[in-house]
Amino acid sequence: MKRMLFLCFITCLFVLIGCSEQPSEKVLRYQENNEIIDKEKDEIIGEVSDTIYDTIDRSNAEAEEIIISPVLKDMPDIIPKEGRYSIAPLWSEVMAPQAGRVLVYDQDNVLLVSEVFDSLYGVQSVTVDLNGSHSVHLDGINEAIITPVDTQFSNQLSTGIWEVGKDIEAGEYSVYPPEYGFGDLHVYEEGKPPRVFEFLDVSPESMVDIQLIEGQKLRVSGLSLLQFELK
């Protein structure tokens, strides 16, 4: 609902540009590069755990696969060992279309990840670093699998949290969803305010130009995949 109100707000501002010679910075930033700023950005990001900046051991030396069954689902805390993981629902082929959420909290109960899974469209998995104290919770999903994953460079990033210099090379990129989607790219750099770029479709107008710096954390949210083309 907040997202729809923001889109209506931006649309109205675009209309008013014709009546004003000096559009606001908010409108200019969105027109030029689909960047959301100010209050609307803060509402999209919400409170995010500082552990997003943590660097963990990605060797997955202690990481283990966990299958969350209906029996385990109602446990208060599912805390995987330190490692890099993919979290995905286990949908039954004979069941009707399903949707649900995965939430990851730090030890202080501050949210790190919240994504909506859908068995037909949208997000199918989330990739994230877990430091050994993060807890995983499911809402509306009976079964899921938490699987250790290897680290490798790629110019395609799926839903989750990624690190520049480990998962994607630093550099200047044009970014777009290769298939229809609706979501955001959040850019976190310690000591600086996070940035949010919005993607509404696969049209050229939805493409974002961005400079990635080693050590930045990238969060792909609401989209199954983003393509990064080096400029």
C-alpha atoms as a PDB file:
ATOM      1  CA  MET A   1       0.000   0.000   0.000  1.00  0.00           C
ATOM      2  CA  LYS A   2       2.805   2.423   0.874  1.00  0.00           C
ATOM      3  CA  ARG A   3       4.505   1.582  -2.432  1.00  0.00           C
ATOM      4  CA  MET A   4       1.324   2.331  -4.401  1.00  0.00           C
ATOM      5  CA  LEU A   5       0.870   5.644  -2.597  1.00  0.00           C
ATOM      6  CA  PHE A   6       4.448   6.572  -3.446  1.00  0.00           C
ATOM      7  CA  LEU A   7       3.937   5.735  -7.124  1.00  0.00           C
ATOM      8  CA  CYS A   8       0.803   7.888  -7.190  1.00  0.00           C
ATOM      9  CA  PHE A   9       2.765  10.674  -5.529  1.00  0.00           C
ATOM     10  CA  ILE A  10       5.572  10.482  -8.098  1.00  0.00           C
ATOM     11  CA  THR A  11       3.066  10.394 -10.974  1.00  0.00           C
ATOM     12  CA  CYS A  12       1.345  13.513  -9.696  1.00  0.00           C
ATOM     13  CA  LEU A  13       4.689  15.262  -9.346  1.00  0.00           C
ATOM     14  CA  PHE A  14       5.584  14.382 -12.940  1.00  0.00           C
ATOM     15  CA  VAL A  15       2.336  15.993 -14.074  1.00  0.00           C
ATOM     16  CA  LEU A  16       3.099  19.097 -12.054  1.00  0.00           C
ATOM     17  CA  ILE A  17       6.554  19.401 -13.607  1.00  0.00           C
ATOM     18  CA  GLY A  18       4.899  20.922 -16.641  1.00  0.00           C
ATOM     19  CA  CYS A  19       3.683  23.748 -14.413  1.00  0.00           C
ATOM     20  CA  SER A  20       6.986  24.269 -12.642  1.00  0.00           C
ATOM     21  CA  GLU A  21      10.414  25.160 -14.005  1.00  0.00           C
ATOM     22  CA  GLN A  22      12.236  23.710 -11.001  1.00  0.00           C
ATOM     23  CA  PRO A  23      11.154  20.158 -10.126  1.00  0.00           C
ATOM     24  CA  SER A  24      12.201  18.919  -6.703  1.00  0.00           C
ATOM     25  CA  GLU A  25      15.307  16.811  -6.088  1.00  0.00           C
ATOM     26  CA  LYS A  26      12.995  13.889  -5.274  1.00  0.00           C
ATOM     27  CA  VAL A  27      11.445  14.022  -8.742  1.00  0.00           C
ATOM     28  CA  LEU A  28      14.755  14.585 -10.515  1.00  0.00           C
ATOM     29  CA  ARG A  29      16.479  11.643  -8.792  1.00  0.00           C
ATOM     30  CA  TYR A  30      13.597   9.345  -9.692  1.00  0.00           C
ATOM     31  CA  GLN A  31      13.379  10.603 -13.280  1.00  0.00           C
ATOM     32  CA  GLU A  32      17.106  10.299 -13.873  1.00  0.00           C
ATOM     33  CA  ASN A  33      17.846   6.932 -12.281  1.00  0.00           C
ATOM     34  CA  ASN A  34      14.776   5.496 -10.523  1.00  0.00           C
ATOM     35  CA  GLU A  35      16.258   6.395  -7.140  1.00  0.00           C
ATOM     36  CA  ILE A  36      13.916   6.814  -4.173  1.00  0.00           C
ATOM     37  CA  ILE A  37      14.995   9.242  -1.458  1.00  0.00           C
ATOM     38  CA  ASP A  38      13.794  10.898   1.748  1.00  0.00           C
ATOM     39  CA  LYS A  39      10.818   9.590   3.724  1.00  0.00           C
ATOM     40  CA  GLU A  40       9.696   7.148   1.039  1.00  0.00           C
ATOM     41  CA  LYS A  41      13.133   5.510   1.040  1.00  0.00           C
ATOM     42  CA  ASP A  42      13.105   5.179   4.831  1.00  0.00           C
ATOM     43  CA  GLU A  43       9.667   3.533   4.726  1.00  0.00           C
ATOM     44  CA  ILE A  44      10.830   0.977   2.157  1.00  0.00           C
ATOM     45  CA  ILE A  45      14.023   0.100   4.041  1.00  0.00           C
ATOM     46  CA  GLY A  46      12.602   0.177   7.564  1.00  0.00           C
ATOM     47  CA  GLU A  47      14.882  -0.965  10.373  1.00  0.00           C
ATOM     48  CA  VAL A  48      17.697  -3.184   9.132  1.00  0.00           C
ATOM     49  CA  SER A  49      20.075  -5.176  11.328  1.00  0.00           C
ATOM     50  CA  ASP A  50      23.626  -3.829  11.494  1.00  0.00           C
ATOM     51  CA  THR A  51      24.741  -7.399  10.833  1.00  0.00           C
ATOM     52  CA  ILE A  52      24.177  -6.658   7.149  1.00  0.00           C
ATOM     53  CA  TYR A  53      27.695  -5.174   7.251  1.00  0.00           C
ATOM     54  CA  ASP A  54      29.242  -8.253   8.884  1.00  0.00           C
ATOM     55  CA  THR A  55      31.803 -10.363   7.072  1.00  0.00           C
ATOM     56  CA  ILE A  56      31.416 -14.059   7.799  1.00  0.00           C
ATOM     57  CA  ASP A  57      33.432 -17.187   7.072  1.00  0.00           C
ATOM     58  CA  ARG A  58      32.121 -18.282   3.683  1.00  0.00           C
ATOM     59  CA  SER A  59      34.024 -21.546   3.659  1.00  0.00           C
ATOM     60  CA  ASN A  60      30.847 -23.119   5.064  1.00  0.00           C
ATOM     61  CA  ALA A  61      33.066 -25.333   7.212  1.00  0.00           C
ATOM     62  CA  GLU A  62      30.305 -25.782   9.794  1.00  0.00           C
ATOM     63  CA  ALA A  63      27.277 -24.985   7.631  1.00  0.00           C
ATOM     64  CA  GLU A  64      24.663 -27.711   7.388  1.00  0.00           C
ATOM     65  CA  GLU A  65      21.575 -28.258   5.302  1.00  0.00           C
ATOM     66  CA  ILE A  66      18.364 -27.890   7.294  1.00  0.00           C
ATOM     67  CA  ILE A  67      14.923 -29.015   6.176  1.00  0.00           C
ATOM     68  CA  ILE A  68      12.190 -27.151   8.018  1.00  0.00           C
ATOM     69  CA  SER A  69       9.234 -29.505   8.281  1.00  0.00           C
ATOM     70  CA  PRO A  70       5.800 -28.778   9.750  1.00  0.00           C
ATOM     71  CA  VAL A  71       7.155 -30.165  13.038  1.00  0.00           C
ATOM     72  CA  LEU A  72      10.100 -27.741  13.137  1.00  0.00           C
ATOM     73  CA  LYS A  73       8.166 -24.793  11.705  1.00  0.00           C
ATOM     74  CA  ASP A  74       6.572 -23.886  15.037  1.00  0.00           C
ATOM     75  CA  MET A  75       9.836 -23.960  16.977  1.00  0.00           C
ATOM     76  CA  PRO A  76      10.644 -20.498  18.383  1.00  0.00           C
ATOM     77  CA  ASP A  77      14.077 -20.304  16.766  1.00  0.00           C
ATOM     78  CA  ILE A  78      15.808 -22.043  13.874  1.00  0.00           C
ATOM     79  CA  ILE A  79      19.435 -20.883  14.081  1.00  0.00           C
ATOM     80  CA  PRO A  80      21.711 -22.280  11.357  1.00  0.00           C
ATOM     81  CA  LYS A  81      25.458 -22.430  11.922  1.00  0.00           C
ATOM     82  CA  GLU A  82      27.654 -19.738  10.379  1.00  0.00           C
ATOM     83  CA  GLY A  83      27.732 -19.844   6.603  1.00  0.00           C
ATOM     84  CA  ARG A  84      26.254 -18.620   3.360  1.00  0.00           C
ATOM     85  CA  TYR A  85      22.859 -20.098   2.610  1.00  0.00           C
ATOM     86  CA  SER A  86      19.990 -20.260   0.175  1.00  0.00           C
ATOM     87  CA  ILE A  87      16.561 -20.387   1.824  1.00  0.00           C
ATOM     88  CA  ALA A  88      13.761 -21.763  -0.350  1.00  0.00           C
ATOM     89  CA  PRO A  89      10.249 -23.085   0.241  1.00  0.00           C
ATOM     90  CA  LEU A  90       9.390 -26.685  -0.589  1.00  0.00           C
ATOM     91  CA  TRP A  91       6.180 -26.446  -2.552  1.00  0.00           C
ATOM     92  CA  SER A  92       4.055 -29.535  -3.096  1.00  0.00           C
ATOM     93  CA  GLU A  93       3.192 -30.138  -6.748  1.00  0.00           C
ATOM     94  CA  VAL A  94      -0.299 -31.322  -5.838  1.00  0.00           C
ATOM     95  CA  MET A  95      -1.140 -28.300  -3.719  1.00  0.00           C
ATOM     96  CA  ALA A  96      -2.868 -25.110  -4.810  1.00  0.00           C
ATOM     97  CA  PRO A  97      -0.720 -22.006  -5.430  1.00  0.00           C
ATOM     98  CA  GLN A  98       0.862 -20.823  -2.220  1.00  0.00           C
ATOM     99  CA  ALA A  99       2.541 -17.742  -0.837  1.00  0.00           C
ATOM    100  CA  GLY A 100       4.340 -16.991   2.392  1.00  0.00           C
ATOM    101  CA  ARG A 101       7.198 -15.092   3.976  1.00  0.00           C
ATOM    102  CA  VAL A 102      10.684 -15.823   5.208  1.00  0.00           C
ATOM    103  CA  LEU A 103      12.104 -13.574   7.926  1.00  0.00           C
ATOM    104  CA  VAL A 104      15.658 -13.495   9.267  1.00  0.00           C
ATOM    105  CA  TYR A 105      16.406 -11.752  12.585  1.00  0.00           C
ATOM    106  CA  ASP A 106      19.639 -10.991  14.404  1.00  0.00           C
ATOM    107  CA  GLN A 107      20.227 -11.917  18.056  1.00  0.00           C
ATOM    108  CA  ASP A 108      18.636  -8.620  19.137  1.00  0.00           C
ATOM    109  CA  ASN A 109      15.487  -9.477  17.171  1.00  0.00           C
ATOM    110  CA  VAL A 110      16.169  -6.802  14.543  1.00  0.00           C
ATOM    111  CA  LEU A 111      15.078  -7.763  11.046  1.00  0.00           C
ATOM    112  CA  LEU A 112      17.737  -8.533   8.430  1.00  0.00           C
ATOM    113  CA  VAL A 113      15.592 -10.060   5.672  1.00  0.00           C
ATOM    114  CA  SER A 114      11.881 -10.174   4.911  1.00  0.00           C
ATOM    115  CA  GLU A 115      10.782 -11.582   1.562  1.00  0.00           C
ATOM    116  CA  VAL A 116       7.546 -12.956   0.152  1.00  0.00           C
ATOM    117  CA  PHE A 117       7.722 -16.321  -1.606  1.00  0.00           C
ATOM    118  CA  ASP A 118       5.173 -17.192  -4.281  1.00  0.00           C
ATOM    119  CA  SER A 119       4.797 -20.640  -5.820  1.00  0.00           C
ATOM    120  CA  LEU A 120       3.753 -19.195  -9.197  1.00  0.00           C
ATOM    121  CA  TYR A 121       5.411 -15.807  -9.576  1.00  0.00           C
ATOM    122  CA  GLY A 122       8.216 -13.764  -8.086  1.00  0.00           C
ATOM    123  CA  VAL A 123      10.712 -14.734  -5.427  1.00  0.00           C
ATOM    124  CA  GLN A 124      11.619 -18.423  -5.194  1.00  0.00           C
ATOM    125  CA  SER A 125      14.642 -18.292  -2.877  1.00  0.00           C
ATOM    126  CA  VAL A 126      16.739 -15.926  -0.749  1.00  0.00           C
ATOM    127  CA  THR A 127      20.548 -16.008  -0.479  1.00  0.00           C
ATOM    128  CA  VAL A 128      22.081 -14.548   2.678  1.00  0.00           C
ATOM    129  CA  ASP A 129      25.049 -14.707   5.067  1.00  0.00           C
ATOM    130  CA  LEU A 130      24.076 -16.121   8.482  1.00  0.00           C
ATOM    131  CA  ASN A 131      26.529 -15.513  11.331  1.00  0.00           C
ATOM    132  CA  GLY A 132      25.515 -18.318  13.676  1.00  0.00           C
ATOM    133  CA  SER A 133      23.171 -16.161  15.752  1.00  0.00           C
ATOM    134  CA  HIS A 134      20.642 -15.254  13.046  1.00  0.00           C
ATOM    135  CA  SER A 135      17.263 -16.947  13.383  1.00  0.00           C
ATOM    136  CA  VAL A 136      15.047 -17.984  10.468  1.00  0.00           C
ATOM    137  CA  HIS A 137      11.256 -17.801  10.688  1.00  0.00           C
ATOM    138  CA  LEU A 138       8.554 -18.873   8.233  1.00  0.00           C
ATOM    139  CA  ASP A 139       5.110 -17.348   7.904  1.00  0.00           C
ATOM    140  CA  GLY A 140       2.530 -19.117   5.747  1.00  0.00           C
ATOM    141  CA  ILE A 141       5.010 -21.776   4.575  1.00  0.00           C
ATOM    142  CA  ASN A 142       4.902 -25.313   5.931  1.00  0.00           C
ATOM    143  CA  GLU A 143       8.206 -26.587   4.599  1.00  0.00           C
ATOM    144  CA  ALA A 144      11.484 -25.034   3.480  1.00  0.00           C
ATOM    145  CA  ILE A 145      15.092 -25.973   2.905  1.00  0.00           C
ATOM    146  CA  ILE A 146      18.147 -24.016   4.060  1.00  0.00           C
ATOM    147  CA  THR A 147      21.119 -25.023   1.921  1.00  0.00           C
ATOM    148  CA  PRO A 148      24.799 -23.958   2.143  1.00  0.00           C
ATOM    149  CA  VAL A 149      25.904 -22.331  -1.123  1.00  0.00           C
ATOM    150  CA  ASP A 150      29.314 -21.616  -2.624  1.00  0.00           C
ATOM    151  CA  THR A 151      30.584 -18.114  -3.335  1.00  0.00           C
ATOM    152  CA  GLN A 152      31.306 -17.211  -6.944  1.00  0.00           C
ATOM    153  CA  PHE A 153      31.376 -14.036  -9.023  1.00  0.00           C
ATOM    154  CA  SER A 154      28.316 -13.359 -11.148  1.00  0.00           C
ATOM    155  CA  ASN A 155      26.678 -10.496 -13.017  1.00  0.00           C
ATOM    156  CA  GLN A 156      23.258 -11.901 -12.186  1.00  0.00           C
ATOM    157  CA  LEU A 157      22.128 -11.515  -8.594  1.00  0.00           C
ATOM    158  CA  SER A 158      18.969 -13.146  -7.280  1.00  0.00           C
ATOM    159  CA  THR A 159      16.900 -12.207  -4.243  1.00  0.00           C
ATOM    160  CA  GLY A 160      19.068 -11.752  -1.169  1.00  0.00           C
ATOM    161  CA  ILE A 161      22.145  -9.948   0.141  1.00  0.00           C
ATOM    162  CA  TRP A 162      25.405  -9.784  -1.821  1.00  0.00           C
ATOM    163  CA  GLU A 163      28.839  -8.226  -1.326  1.00  0.00           C
ATOM    164  CA  VAL A 164      30.743  -6.226  -3.927  1.00  0.00           C
ATOM    165  CA  GLY A 165      34.188  -7.770  -4.287  1.00  0.00           C
ATOM    166  CA  LYS A 166      33.003 -11.255  -3.306  1.00  0.00           C
ATOM    167  CA  ASP A 167      29.853 -11.907  -5.331  1.00  0.00           C
ATOM    168  CA  ILE A 168      30.210  -9.267  -8.061  1.00  0.00           C
ATOM    169  CA  GLU A 169      33.180  -7.221  -9.245  1.00  0.00           C
ATOM    170  CA  ALA A 170      33.377  -3.517  -8.424  1.00  0.00           C
ATOM    171  CA  GLY A 171      32.697  -1.233 -11.381  1.00  0.00           C
ATOM    172  CA  GLU A 172      30.114   0.834 -13.215  1.00  0.00           C
ATOM    173  CA  TYR A 173      27.012  -1.074 -14.266  1.00  0.00           C
ATOM    174  CA  SER A 174      23.670  -0.748 -15.972  1.00  0.00           C
ATOM    175  CA  VAL A 175      21.163  -2.780 -13.959  1.00  0.00           C
ATOM    176  CA  TYR A 176      17.789  -4.181 -15.032  1.00  0.00           C
ATOM    177  CA  PRO A 177      15.504  -7.160 -14.381  1.00  0.00           C
ATOM    178  CA  PRO A 178      15.827  -9.654 -17.282  1.00  0.00           C
ATOM    179  CA  GLU A 179      12.228 -10.726 -16.775  1.00  0.00           C
ATOM    180  CA  TYR A 180       9.128  -8.921 -15.586  1.00  0.00           C
ATOM    181  CA  GLY A 181       9.324  -7.982 -11.944  1.00  0.00           C
ATOM    182  CA  PHE A 182       8.579  -5.329  -9.378  1.00  0.00           C
ATOM    183  CA  GLY A 183      11.083  -4.613  -6.626  1.00  0.00           C
ATOM    184  CA  ASP A 184      14.164  -2.787  -5.445  1.00  0.00           C
ATOM    185  CA  LEU A 185      17.933  -2.746  -5.227  1.00  0.00           C
ATOM    186  CA  HIS A 186      19.219  -1.488  -1.860  1.00  0.00           C
ATOM    187  CA  VAL A 187      22.861  -0.379  -1.619  1.00  0.00           C
ATOM    188  CA  TYR A 188      24.512  -0.347   1.817  1.00  0.00           C
ATOM    189  CA  GLU A 189      27.877   1.206   2.556  1.00  0.00           C
ATOM    190  CA  GLU A 190      28.974   1.408   6.177  1.00  0.00           C
ATOM    191  CA  GLY A 191      29.006   4.979   7.473  1.00  0.00           C
ATOM    192  CA  LYS A 192      26.738   6.245   4.682  1.00  0.00           C
ATOM    193  CA  PRO A 193      22.938   6.335   4.253  1.00  0.00           C
ATOM    194  CA  PRO A 194      21.616   3.386   2.225  1.00  0.00           C
ATOM    195  CA  ARG A 195      20.285   4.011  -1.272  1.00  0.00           C
ATOM    196  CA  VAL A 196      17.207   2.511  -2.944  1.00  0.00           C
ATOM    197  CA  PHE A 197      16.592   2.051  -6.679  1.00  0.00           C
ATOM    198  CA  GLU A 198      13.223   0.865  -7.950  1.00  0.00           C
ATOM    199  CA  PHE A 199      12.410  -1.456 -10.858  1.00  0.00           C
ATOM    200  CA  LEU A 200       8.871  -1.562 -12.236  1.00  0.00           C
ATOM    201  CA  ASP A 201       9.298  -3.475 -15.513  1.00  0.00           C
ATOM    202  CA  VAL A 202      11.847  -4.546 -18.127  1.00  0.00           C
ATOM    203  CA  SER A 203      11.614  -1.406 -20.261  1.00  0.00           C
ATOM    204  CA  PRO A 204      14.744   0.710 -20.952  1.00  0.00           C
ATOM    205  CA  GLU A 205      13.261   3.399 -18.708  1.00  0.00           C
ATOM    206  CA  SER A 206      13.558   1.022 -15.771  1.00  0.00           C
ATOM    207  CA  MET A 207      17.324   0.563 -16.237  1.00  0.00           C
ATOM    208  CA  VAL A 208      19.517   1.941 -13.438  1.00  0.00           C
ATOM    209  CA  ASP A 209      23.125   3.120 -13.756  1.00  0.00           C
ATOM    210  CA  ILE A 210      25.217   2.539 -10.655  1.00  0.00           C
ATOM    211  CA  GLN A 211      28.828   2.563  -9.474  1.00  0.00           C
ATOM    212  CA  LEU A 212      29.625  -0.434  -7.269  1.00  0.00           C
ATOM    213  CA  ILE A 213      32.442  -0.064  -4.730  1.00  0.00           C
ATOM    214  CA  GLU A 214      34.238  -2.971  -3.071  1.00  0.00           C
ATOM    215  CA  GLY A 215      32.773  -3.759   0.332  1.00  0.00           C
ATOM    216  CA  GLN A 216      29.286  -2.457  -0.420  1.00  0.00           C
ATOM    217  CA  LYS A 217      26.386  -4.760   0.380  1.00  0.00           C
ATOM    218  CA  LEU A 218      23.598  -5.125  -2.171  1.00  0.00           C
ATOM    219  CA  ARG A 219      20.133  -6.317  -1.319  1.00  0.00           C
ATOM    220  CA  VAL A 220      17.863  -7.493  -4.131  1.00  0.00           C
ATOM    221  CA  SER A 221      14.305  -7.369  -2.796  1.00  0.00           C
ATOM    222  CA  GLY A 222      11.023  -8.392  -4.401  1.00  0.00           C
ATOM    223  CA  LEU A 223      12.730  -9.451  -7.639  1.00  0.00           C
ATOM    224  CA  SER A 224      13.796 -12.951  -8.607  1.00  0.00           C
ATOM    225  CA  LEU A 225      16.814 -11.675 -10.567  1.00  0.00           C
ATOM    226  CA  LEU A 226      18.751  -8.543 -11.541  1.00  0.00           C
ATOM    227  CA  GLN A 227      21.176  -8.367 -14.460  1.00  0.00           C
ATOM    228  CA  PHE A 228      24.310  -6.201 -14.053  1.00  0.00           C
ATOM    229  CA  GLU A 229      25.948  -5.150 -17.339  1.00  0.00           C
ATOM    230  CA  LEU A 230      29.438  -3.669 -17.020  1.00  0.00           C
ATOM    231  CA  LYS A 231      29.653  -0.312 -18.791  1.00  0.00           C
END
